[in-house]
C-alpha atoms as a PDB file:
ATOM      1  CA  MET A   1      -8.523  16.606  -5.199  1.00  0.00           C
ATOM      2  CA  ASN A   2     -10.174  17.761  -8.279  1.00  0.00           C
ATOM      3  CA  PRO A   3     -10.111  15.651 -11.720  1.00  0.00           C
ATOM      4  CA  ALA A   4      -7.233  17.536 -12.906  1.00  0.00           C
ATOM      5  CA  GLN A   5      -5.123  16.887  -9.845  1.00  0.00           C
ATOM      6  CA  VAL A   6      -5.773  13.308  -9.925  1.00  0.00           C
ATOM      7  CA  ASP A   7      -4.505  12.957 -13.608  1.00  0.00           C
ATOM      8  CA  ALA A   8      -1.448  15.067 -12.812  1.00  0.00           C
ATOM      9  CA  TYR A   9      -0.810  12.595  -9.658  1.00  0.00           C
ATOM     10  CA  LEU A  10      -1.417   9.515 -11.874  1.00  0.00           C
ATOM     11  CA  ARG A  11       0.775  10.858 -14.694  1.00  0.00           C
ATOM     12  CA  ARG A  12       3.589  11.227 -11.866  1.00  0.00           C
ATOM     13  CA  LEU A  13       3.151   7.503 -11.042  1.00  0.00           C
ATOM     14  CA  GLY A  14       3.026   6.253 -14.671  1.00  0.00           C
ATOM     15  CA  VAL A  15      -0.463   4.922 -14.289  1.00  0.00           C
ATOM     16  CA  GLN A  16      -3.771   5.233 -16.294  1.00  0.00           C
ATOM     17  CA  ARG A  17      -6.937   6.391 -14.617  1.00  0.00           C
ATOM     18  CA  PRO A  18      -8.584   3.107 -13.248  1.00  0.00           C
ATOM     19  CA  ALA A  19     -12.176   2.317 -13.829  1.00  0.00           C
ATOM     20  CA  ARG A  20     -13.067   0.656 -10.246  1.00  0.00           C
ATOM     21  CA  PRO A  21     -11.241   1.049  -6.919  1.00  0.00           C
ATOM     22  CA  THR A  22     -10.173  -3.071  -6.660  1.00  0.00           C
ATOM     23  CA  VAL A  23      -7.558  -4.723  -5.075  1.00  0.00           C
ATOM     24  CA  ASP A  24      -5.576  -5.257  -8.436  1.00  0.00           C
ATOM     25  CA  VAL A  25      -5.604  -1.310  -8.672  1.00  0.00           C
ATOM     26  CA  LEU A  26      -4.536  -0.849  -5.500  1.00  0.00           C
ATOM     27  CA  ARG A  27      -1.598  -3.042  -5.757  1.00  0.00           C
ATOM     28  CA  GLU A  28      -0.424  -1.230  -9.202  1.00  0.00           C
ATOM     29  CA  LEU A  29      -0.663   1.980  -7.450  1.00  0.00           C
ATOM     30  CA  HIS A  30       1.091   1.230  -4.248  1.00  0.00           C
ATOM     31  CA  LEU A  31       3.783  -0.298  -6.123  1.00  0.00           C
ATOM     32  CA  ARG A  32       4.351   2.438  -8.677  1.00  0.00           C
ATOM     33  CA  HIS A  33       4.315   4.899  -5.887  1.00  0.00           C
ATOM     34  CA  LEU A  34       7.149   3.157  -4.051  1.00  0.00           C
ATOM     35  CA  GLN A  35       9.144   3.268  -7.333  1.00  0.00           C
ATOM     36  CA  THR A  36       8.577   6.822  -8.598  1.00  0.00           C
ATOM     37  CA  VAL A  37       8.189   8.934  -5.465  1.00  0.00           C
ATOM     38  CA  PRO A  38      11.012   9.107  -3.035  1.00  0.00           C
ATOM     39  CA  PHE A  39      10.999   8.426   0.557  1.00  0.00           C
ATOM     40  CA  GLU A  40      13.156  11.515   1.624  1.00  0.00           C
ATOM     41  CA  ASN A  41      13.619  14.032   4.392  1.00  0.00           C
ATOM     42  CA  LEU A  42      15.534  16.818   2.363  1.00  0.00           C
ATOM     43  CA  SER A  43      12.963  19.641   3.274  1.00  0.00           C
ATOM     44  CA  VAL A  44      14.232  19.043   6.981  1.00  0.00           C
ATOM     45  CA  HIS A  45      17.718  20.124   5.985  1.00  0.00           C
ATOM     46  CA  LEU A  46      16.825  22.534   3.089  1.00  0.00           C
ATOM     47  CA  GLY A  47      14.885  24.680   5.490  1.00  0.00           C
ATOM     48  CA  GLU A  48      11.643  24.016   3.932  1.00  0.00           C
ATOM     49  CA  GLU A  49       8.439  24.148   6.047  1.00  0.00           C
ATOM     50  CA  ILE A  50       6.287  20.957   5.961  1.00  0.00           C
ATOM     51  CA  VAL A  51       2.724  21.645   5.610  1.00  0.00           C
ATOM     52  CA  LEU A  52      -0.004  18.751   5.939  1.00  0.00           C
ATOM     53  CA  GLU A  53      -2.461  20.348   3.654  1.00  0.00           C
ATOM     54  CA  GLU A  54      -3.697  18.650   0.359  1.00  0.00           C
ATOM     55  CA  LYS A  55      -2.865  21.582  -1.922  1.00  0.00           C
ATOM     56  CA  ARG A  56       0.749  22.002  -0.491  1.00  0.00           C
ATOM     57  CA  LEU A  57       1.383  18.269  -0.676  1.00  0.00           C
ATOM     58  CA  LEU A  58       0.312  18.170  -4.157  1.00  0.00           C
ATOM     59  CA  ASP A  59       2.531  21.330  -5.114  1.00  0.00           C
ATOM     60  CA  LYS A  60       5.459  19.521  -3.697  1.00  0.00           C
ATOM     61  CA  VAL A  61       4.991  15.782  -4.753  1.00  0.00           C
ATOM     62  CA  VAL A  62       3.179  16.397  -8.038  1.00  0.00           C
ATOM     63  CA  GLY A  63       3.946  19.787  -9.145  1.00  0.00           C
ATOM     64  CA  ALA A  64       7.720  19.885  -7.930  1.00  0.00           C
ATOM     65  CA  GLY A  65       8.518  16.217  -8.413  1.00  0.00           C
ATOM     66  CA  ARG A  66       9.576  15.691  -4.962  1.00  0.00           C
ATOM     67  CA  GLY A  67       8.920  13.096  -2.212  1.00  0.00           C
ATOM     68  CA  GLY A  68       8.599  13.195   1.585  1.00  0.00           C
ATOM     69  CA  PHE A  69       8.110  11.039   4.679  1.00  0.00           C
ATOM     70  CA  CYS A  70       5.198   9.047   6.145  1.00  0.00           C
ATOM     71  CA  TYR A  71       2.904  12.345   6.892  1.00  0.00           C
ATOM     72  CA  GLU A  72       3.227  13.493   3.363  1.00  0.00           C
ATOM     73  CA  LEU A  73       3.469  10.464   1.334  1.00  0.00           C
ATOM     74  CA  ASN A  74       0.654   8.449   2.874  1.00  0.00           C
ATOM     75  CA  GLY A  75      -1.656  11.605   3.869  1.00  0.00           C
ATOM     76  CA  LEU A  76      -1.255  12.511  -0.005  1.00  0.00           C
ATOM     77  CA  PHE A  77      -1.863   9.086  -1.257  1.00  0.00           C
ATOM     78  CA  GLY A  78      -4.818   8.655   1.030  1.00  0.00           C
ATOM     79  CA  ALA A  79      -6.173  11.666  -0.657  1.00  0.00           C
ATOM     80  CA  LEU A  80      -5.511  10.183  -4.385  1.00  0.00           C
ATOM     81  CA  LEU A  81      -7.255   6.928  -3.571  1.00  0.00           C
ATOM     82  CA  THR A  82     -10.281   8.436  -2.077  1.00  0.00           C
ATOM     83  CA  ALA A  83     -10.788  10.676  -5.324  1.00  0.00           C
ATOM     84  CA  LEU A  84     -10.585   7.403  -7.344  1.00  0.00           C
ATOM     85  CA  GLY A  85     -13.576   5.966  -4.909  1.00  0.00           C
ATOM     86  CA  PHE A  86     -11.604   3.749  -2.596  1.00  0.00           C
ATOM     87  CA  GLU A  87     -12.786   4.008   1.282  1.00  0.00           C
ATOM     88  CA  VAL A  88      -9.761   5.313   2.904  1.00  0.00           C
ATOM     89  CA  THR A  89      -9.096   5.732   6.789  1.00  0.00           C
ATOM     90  CA  LEU A  90      -5.924   7.325   8.129  1.00  0.00           C
ATOM     91  CA  LEU A  91      -4.125   5.444  11.263  1.00  0.00           C
ATOM     92  CA  ALA A  92      -1.780   6.615  13.754  1.00  0.00           C
ATOM     93  CA  ALA A  93       1.154   4.399  14.654  1.00  0.00           C
ATOM     94  CA  ARG A  94       4.180   4.378  16.900  1.00  0.00           C
ATOM     95  CA  VAL A  95       7.300   3.094  15.618  1.00  0.00           C
ATOM     96  CA  TYR A  96       9.633   0.341  17.302  1.00  0.00           C
ATOM     97  CA  GLY A  97      13.018   1.863  17.879  1.00  0.00           C
ATOM     98  CA  ASP A  98      16.133   0.758  20.103  1.00  0.00           C
ATOM     99  CA  GLU A  99      15.409  -2.248  22.610  1.00  0.00           C
ATOM    100  CA  GLY A 100      11.638  -2.296  21.502  1.00  0.00           C
ATOM    101  CA  ARG A 101      10.672   1.031  22.885  1.00  0.00           C
ATOM    102  CA  LEU A 102       7.874   2.787  20.984  1.00  0.00           C
ATOM    103  CA  GLY A 103       8.312   6.164  19.510  1.00  0.00           C
ATOM    104  CA  ILE A 104       5.972   9.205  20.130  1.00  0.00           C
ATOM    105  CA  PRO A 105       2.093   9.373  19.486  1.00  0.00           C
ATOM    106  CA  TYR A 106       1.273   9.913  16.053  1.00  0.00           C
ATOM    107  CA  ASP A 107       5.070   8.822  14.875  1.00  0.00           C
ATOM    108  CA  HIS A 108       4.052   7.359  11.866  1.00  0.00           C
ATOM    109  CA  LEU A 109       0.802   7.628   9.330  1.00  0.00           C
ATOM    110  CA  ALA A 110      -0.578   4.246   7.729  1.00  0.00           C
ATOM    111  CA  LEU A 111      -3.770   3.830   5.630  1.00  0.00           C
ATOM    112  CA  ARG A 112      -6.663   1.268   5.897  1.00  0.00           C
ATOM    113  CA  VAL A 113      -7.811   0.979   2.339  1.00  0.00           C
ATOM    114  CA  ARG A 114     -11.157  -1.069   1.373  1.00  0.00           C
ATOM    115  CA  THR A 115     -11.286  -2.154  -2.060  1.00  0.00           C
ATOM    116  CA  VAL A 116     -14.397  -3.530  -4.094  1.00  0.00           C
ATOM    117  CA  ASP A 117     -15.050  -6.633  -5.654  1.00  0.00           C
ATOM    118  CA  GLY A 118     -13.144  -7.234  -8.943  1.00  0.00           C
ATOM    119  CA  GLY A 119     -13.995 -10.352 -10.030  1.00  0.00           C
ATOM    120  CA  ASP A 120     -11.382 -13.190 -10.422  1.00  0.00           C
ATOM    121  CA  ASP A 121     -11.724 -14.509  -6.965  1.00  0.00           C
ATOM    122  CA  GLU A 122     -10.605 -10.928  -5.808  1.00  0.00           C
ATOM    123  CA  GLY A 123     -13.500  -9.697  -3.571  1.00  0.00           C
ATOM    124  CA  GLU A 124     -13.995  -6.790  -1.606  1.00  0.00           C
ATOM    125  CA  GLY A 125     -11.481  -6.483   1.439  1.00  0.00           C
ATOM    126  CA  ALA A 126      -9.314  -4.128   3.740  1.00  0.00           C
ATOM    127  CA  TRP A 127      -5.738  -3.667   3.134  1.00  0.00           C
ATOM    128  CA  LEU A 128      -2.891  -1.747   5.072  1.00  0.00           C
ATOM    129  CA  ALA A 129      -1.520   0.596   2.519  1.00  0.00           C
ATOM    130  CA  ASP A 130       1.618   2.268   3.512  1.00  0.00           C
ATOM    131  CA  VAL A 131       4.180   4.092   0.974  1.00  0.00           C
ATOM    132  CA  GLY A 132       5.876   6.034   3.567  1.00  0.00           C
ATOM    133  CA  PHE A 133       7.764   3.905   5.768  1.00  0.00           C
ATOM    134  CA  GLY A 134      10.997   3.530   3.514  1.00  0.00           C
ATOM    135  CA  THR A 135      11.730   0.021   3.427  1.00  0.00           C
ATOM    136  CA  HIS A 136       8.476  -1.945   3.702  1.00  0.00           C
ATOM    137  CA  SER A 137       5.919  -4.278   1.836  1.00  0.00           C
ATOM    138  CA  HIS A 138       6.001  -3.539  -1.842  1.00  0.00           C
ATOM    139  CA  TYR A 139       2.165  -4.432  -1.950  1.00  0.00           C
ATOM    140  CA  PRO A 140      -0.772  -3.492   0.398  1.00  0.00           C
ATOM    141  CA  LEU A 141      -0.741  -6.514   3.224  1.00  0.00           C
ATOM    142  CA  ALA A 142      -4.155  -7.923   4.020  1.00  0.00           C
ATOM    143  CA  TYR A 143      -5.375  -5.940   6.905  1.00  0.00           C
ATOM    144  CA  GLU A 144      -7.827  -8.653   8.557  1.00  0.00           C
ATOM    145  CA  GLU A 145      -5.093 -11.536   7.642  1.00  0.00           C
ATOM    146  CA  ARG A 146      -3.112 -12.886  11.112  1.00  0.00           C
ATOM    147  CA  GLY A 147      -1.005 -15.298   9.358  1.00  0.00           C
ATOM    148  CA  GLU A 148       2.265 -14.615   7.532  1.00  0.00           C
ATOM    149  CA  GLN A 149       2.059 -12.815   4.403  1.00  0.00           C
ATOM    150  CA  LYS A 150       4.823 -13.167   1.570  1.00  0.00           C
ATOM    151  CA  ASP A 151       6.013 -10.187  -0.308  1.00  0.00           C
ATOM    152  CA  PRO A 152       8.837  -9.090  -2.326  1.00  0.00           C
ATOM    153  CA  GLY A 153       9.872  -6.505   0.817  1.00  0.00           C
ATOM    154  CA  GLY A 154       9.883  -9.476   3.102  1.00  0.00           C
ATOM    155  CA  THR A 155       7.542 -11.749   5.195  1.00  0.00           C
ATOM    156  CA  PHE A 156       4.971  -9.825   7.179  1.00  0.00           C
ATOM    157  CA  ARG A 157       2.293 -10.307   9.837  1.00  0.00           C
ATOM    158  CA  VAL A 158      -0.085  -7.960  10.928  1.00  0.00           C
ATOM    159  CA  ALA A 159      -0.744  -9.335  14.624  1.00  0.00           C
ATOM    160  CA  ALA A 160      -3.677  -8.496  16.850  1.00  0.00           C
ATOM    161  CA  LEU A 161      -2.125  -7.409  20.586  1.00  0.00           C
ATOM    162  CA  GLY A 162      -3.381  -9.372  23.408  1.00  0.00           C
ATOM    163  CA  PRO A 163      -3.268 -13.087  24.545  1.00  0.00           C
ATOM    164  CA  ASP A 164      -3.319 -14.320  20.802  1.00  0.00           C
ATOM    165  CA  ALA A 165      -0.651 -11.719  19.665  1.00  0.00           C
ATOM    166  CA  ALA A 166       1.978 -14.317  19.388  1.00  0.00           C
ATOM    167  CA  GLY A 167       0.021 -17.153  17.702  1.00  0.00           C
ATOM    168  CA  ALA A 168       0.950 -17.077  13.640  1.00  0.00           C
ATOM    169  CA  GLY A 169      -2.363 -18.752  12.514  1.00  0.00           C
ATOM    170  CA  SER A 170      -4.955 -16.683  10.411  1.00  0.00           C
ATOM    171  CA  ARG A 171      -8.575 -16.723  11.505  1.00  0.00           C
ATOM    172  CA  ALA A 172     -11.797 -15.900  10.175  1.00  0.00           C
ATOM    173  CA  ALA A 173     -12.664 -12.001   9.980  1.00  0.00           C
ATOM    174  CA  ALA A 174     -15.826 -12.654  11.805  1.00  0.00           C
ATOM    175  CA  ASP A 175     -13.570 -13.945  14.948  1.00  0.00           C
ATOM    176  CA  LEU A 176     -11.353 -10.947  14.900  1.00  0.00           C
ATOM    177  CA  ASP A 177     -11.129  -8.300  17.513  1.00  0.00           C
ATOM    178  CA  LEU A 178     -11.412  -5.541  15.070  1.00  0.00           C
ATOM    179  CA  ASP A 179     -11.135  -2.831  17.729  1.00  0.00           C
ATOM    180  CA  ALA A 180      -7.739  -4.079  18.994  1.00  0.00           C
ATOM    181  CA  ASP A 181      -4.430  -2.159  18.123  1.00  0.00           C
ATOM    182  CA  LEU A 182      -2.126  -4.240  15.894  1.00  0.00           C
ATOM    183  CA  ASP A 183       1.824  -4.735  15.600  1.00  0.00           C
ATOM    184  CA  VAL A 184       2.943  -4.580  12.001  1.00  0.00           C
ATOM    185  CA  ILE A 185       6.153  -7.368  11.866  1.00  0.00           C
ATOM    186  CA  ARG A 186       8.729  -7.882   8.856  1.00  0.00           C
ATOM    187  CA  ASN A 187      10.865 -10.745   9.055  1.00  0.00           C
ATOM    188  CA  GLY A 188      10.068 -11.408  12.942  1.00  0.00           C
ATOM    189  CA  ALA A 189      11.159  -8.037  13.909  1.00  0.00           C
ATOM    190  CA  LEU A 190       8.577  -5.395  15.159  1.00  0.00           C
ATOM    191  CA  GLU A 191       8.013  -2.299  12.895  1.00  0.00           C
ATOM    192  CA  TYR A 192       5.347  -0.268  14.430  1.00  0.00           C
ATOM    193  CA  ARG A 193       2.154  -0.504  16.512  1.00  0.00           C
ATOM    194  CA  LEU A 194      -0.725   0.492  14.829  1.00  0.00           C
ATOM    195  CA  GLU A 195      -3.787   2.308  16.393  1.00  0.00           C
ATOM    196  CA  VAL A 196      -7.158   1.285  14.594  1.00  0.00           C
ATOM    197  CA  ARG A 197      -9.047   4.503  15.483  1.00  0.00           C
ATOM    198  CA  PRO A 198      -9.837   6.774  12.270  1.00  0.00           C
ATOM    199  CA  ARG A 199      -7.581   9.831  12.322  1.00  0.00           C
ATOM    200  CA  VAL A 200      -7.589  13.078  10.194  1.00  0.00           C
ATOM    201  CA  LEU A 201      -4.351  14.654   8.544  1.00  0.00           C
ATOM    202  CA  GLY A 202      -4.413  17.570  10.965  1.00  0.00           C
ATOM    203  CA  ASP A 203      -3.799  15.200  13.992  1.00  0.00           C
ATOM    204  CA  PHE A 204      -0.181  14.403  12.635  1.00  0.00           C
ATOM    205  CA  VAL A 205       0.678  18.021  12.688  1.00  0.00           C
ATOM    206  CA  ALA A 206       2.529  17.737  15.975  1.00  0.00           C
ATOM    207  CA  GLY A 207       4.371  14.491  14.915  1.00  0.00           C
ATOM    208  CA  ALA A 208       5.641  16.059  11.796  1.00  0.00           C
ATOM    209  CA  TRP A 209       6.629  19.269  13.622  1.00  0.00           C
ATOM    210  CA  TRP A 210       8.615  17.124  16.208  1.00  0.00           C
ATOM    211  CA  HIS A 211      10.470  14.847  13.651  1.00  0.00           C
ATOM    212  CA  SER A 212      11.432  18.100  11.470  1.00  0.00           C
ATOM    213  CA  THR A 213      12.607  19.988  14.629  1.00  0.00           C
ATOM    214  CA  SER A 214      13.629  17.782  17.665  1.00  0.00           C
ATOM    215  CA  PRO A 215      17.175  16.639  18.120  1.00  0.00           C
ATOM    216  CA  ALA A 216      15.759  13.417  19.285  1.00  0.00           C
ATOM    217  CA  SER A 217      14.214  12.798  15.748  1.00  0.00           C
ATOM    218  CA  HIS A 218      16.485  10.372  13.305  1.00  0.00           C
ATOM    219  CA  PHE A 219      14.994  12.715  10.603  1.00  0.00           C
ATOM    220  CA  THR A 220      17.018  15.776  11.897  1.00  0.00           C
ATOM    221  CA  ARG A 221      20.270  13.956  12.418  1.00  0.00           C
ATOM    222  CA  SER A 222      20.584  12.246   8.919  1.00  0.00           C
ATOM    223  CA  LEU A 223      19.723  12.862   5.282  1.00  0.00           C
ATOM    224  CA  VAL A 224      17.857   9.980   3.427  1.00  0.00           C
ATOM    225  CA  CYS A 225      16.449   9.640  -0.203  1.00  0.00           C
ATOM    226  CA  SER A 226      15.331   6.341  -1.095  1.00  0.00           C
ATOM    227  CA  ARG A 227      13.065   4.326  -3.674  1.00  0.00           C
ATOM    228  CA  LEU A 228      12.428   1.184  -5.314  1.00  0.00           C
ATOM    229  CA  THR A 229      13.698   0.370  -8.505  1.00  0.00           C
ATOM    230  CA  ASP A 230      11.741  -1.133 -11.399  1.00  0.00           C
ATOM    231  CA  ASP A 231      13.727  -4.165 -11.176  1.00  0.00           C
ATOM    232  CA  GLY A 232      13.080  -5.048  -7.460  1.00  0.00           C
ATOM    233  CA  GLY A 233      15.900  -3.540  -5.945  1.00  0.00           C
ATOM    234  CA  ARG A 234      16.290  -0.091  -4.164  1.00  0.00           C
ATOM    235  CA  ILE A 235      18.375   3.023  -4.615  1.00  0.00           C
ATOM    236  CA  THR A 236      19.279   4.967  -1.571  1.00  0.00           C
ATOM    237  CA  LEU A 237      21.331   8.373  -1.371  1.00  0.00           C
ATOM    238  CA  SER A 238      22.261   9.407   2.386  1.00  0.00           C
ATOM    239  CA  GLY A 239      24.326  12.326   2.372  1.00  0.00           C
ATOM    240  CA  ARG A 240      26.970  11.532  -0.057  1.00  0.00           C
ATOM    241  CA  GLY A 241      26.745   7.851   0.473  1.00  0.00           C
ATOM    242  CA  LEU A 242      25.016   6.222  -2.585  1.00  0.00           C
ATOM    243  CA  THR A 243      23.990   2.546  -1.892  1.00  0.00           C
ATOM    244  CA  GLU A 244      22.345   0.477  -4.900  1.00  0.00           C
ATOM    245  CA  THR A 245      21.062  -2.922  -3.695  1.00  0.00           C
ATOM    246  CA  ALA A 246      19.835  -5.520  -6.241  1.00  0.00           C
ATOM    247  CA  ALA A 247      16.822  -7.526  -5.974  1.00  0.00           C
ATOM    248  CA  ASP A 248      18.916 -10.561  -4.763  1.00  0.00           C
ATOM    249  CA  GLY A 249      20.087  -8.521  -2.096  1.00  0.00           C
ATOM    250  CA  THR A 250      23.604  -7.693  -3.232  1.00  0.00           C
ATOM    251  CA  ARG A 251      24.953  -4.208  -2.763  1.00  0.00           C
ATOM    252  CA  ASP A 252      26.971  -1.440  -4.418  1.00  0.00           C
ATOM    253  CA  VAL A 253      28.149   1.147  -2.117  1.00  0.00           C
ATOM    254  CA  ARG A 254      30.299   4.381  -2.961  1.00  0.00           C
ATOM    255  CA  GLU A 255      30.743   7.880  -1.786  1.00  0.00           C
ATOM    256  CA  LEU A 256      30.309  10.553  -4.248  1.00  0.00           C
ATOM    257  CA  ALA A 257      33.286  12.900  -4.091  1.00  0.00           C
ATOM    258  CA  THR A 258      31.611  16.191  -5.695  1.00  0.00           C
ATOM    259  CA  ASP A 259      28.558  18.398  -5.154  1.00  0.00           C
ATOM    260  CA  GLU A 260      28.139  17.895  -8.870  1.00  0.00           C
ATOM    261  CA  GLU A 261      28.044  14.178  -8.341  1.00  0.00           C
ATOM    262  CA  VAL A 262      25.503  14.649  -5.743  1.00  0.00           C
ATOM    263  CA  LEU A 263      23.250  16.844  -7.378  1.00  0.00           C
ATOM    264  CA  ALA A 264      23.272  14.690 -10.778  1.00  0.00           C
ATOM    265  CA  VAL A 265      22.092  11.628  -8.717  1.00  0.00           C
ATOM    266  CA  TYR A 266      19.113  13.439  -7.090  1.00  0.00           C
ATOM    267  CA  ARG A 267      18.291  14.866 -10.727  1.00  0.00           C
ATOM    268  CA  GLU A 268      18.837  11.462 -12.836  1.00  0.00           C
ATOM    269  CA  ARG A 269      18.102   8.866 -10.184  1.00  0.00           C
ATOM    270  CA  PHE A 270      15.245  10.397  -8.231  1.00  0.00           C
ATOM    271  CA  GLY A 271      13.896  12.948 -10.769  1.00  0.00           C
ATOM    272  CA  ILE A 272      14.739  15.907  -7.805  1.00  0.00           C
ATOM    273  CA  GLU A 273      16.256  19.251  -9.128  1.00  0.00           C
ATOM    274  CA  LEU A 274      17.772  20.974  -6.464  1.00  0.00           C
ATOM    275  CA  GLY A 275      19.881  24.244  -6.428  1.00  0.00           C
ATOM    276  CA  GLU A 276      22.238  23.105  -3.605  1.00  0.00           C
ATOM    277  CA  VAL A 277      23.413  19.810  -1.909  1.00  0.00           C
ATOM    278  CA  PRO A 278      21.389  19.270   1.331  1.00  0.00           C
ATOM    279  CA  ALA A 279      23.438  19.173   4.573  1.00  0.00           C
ATOM    280  CA  VAL A 280      22.314  17.741   7.832  1.00  0.00           C
ATOM    281  CA  ARG A 281      21.225  20.808  10.089  1.00  0.00           C
ATOM    282  CA  THR A 282      20.985  19.280  13.561  1.00  0.00           C
ATOM    283  CA  PRO A 283      18.579  21.543  16.087  1.00  0.00           C
ATOM    284  CA  ALA A 284      20.440  23.157  18.809  1.00  0.00           C
END
C-alpha cells in the first residue's frame, strides 16, 4: 500500500496519519473502521466477484466506498496497519455455529497486531483486532490476557484450549502457551476458534469462495449491511428490514416499503451508492 493509498484509506476513516504504531492509535483506527466501513455481503447477491487482492480491495472499500465481509475487511485493515508500522499477522478461525459445531477451515480471518510503547503506561503488546465479524468488540482485545475483558460490545475472553481453558483468571505472558489455539468468547458464548499459525491473504481464497457460492453458507441465504453508529449503537439493513439499536440496547425495527427507500438507506446511512436493490440469490 503506497502513501497515497494509505492517505485515502485514512480519509475514509476520518483519521489523521499517526506518528507511531501505538495501542491508542490502534484503538482509534479499530473503532473508526467499525463506524465507517460496513460489514456487508452485497457482492454475493449483486453478482460481483470477490477478489482477495490488495488493489481490488482498495478499489472496493476506499474507491467505491463499500464494505465487505471478514476476508475483505480484515485483509485490507491488516494491510493498512502494516503500512503504518504495526506488526500484523493474519490468523485463521472457525466460527461456532448451531449446537457448538465449528465451521469450515478458513471460515474467518482475524488479526494479531503488535504495537510499540506509547508511554503513559501503554507499553508494547499484542492485540486481537477484528473489524470483520459483525457484532463484536469495539476495540482490540489483549491477545495474551486470559481473564475477562470489558468492552462496549460486551464481555470477552480469549481462552487457551486445553486443561486450563475453563479458568477465568489471567496469567503472566511468560506462563502462557502461545502455540495453543484459542477460543474467543463473548458474553459467555463461544464465537470462534482461532488458530495461531501465521497465514497469508491467499490462504483464505477457498473460504471466501465457499461463503459466496455455497447454499450452506449463511452469506448466500441472507442479505446484511451493518455498522456501528457514532453514539455506540448499531444500524443494520437486512433485505428490507431496517433495525436501529441504541447504545442502551433499545431497538427500532421497521420494514422499508419501496425500492427507493432501500436505496436511500444504503446511500444516506451507509454511504453506498447502488443502481439496484440487492436481492437474495440462493445458489442452486
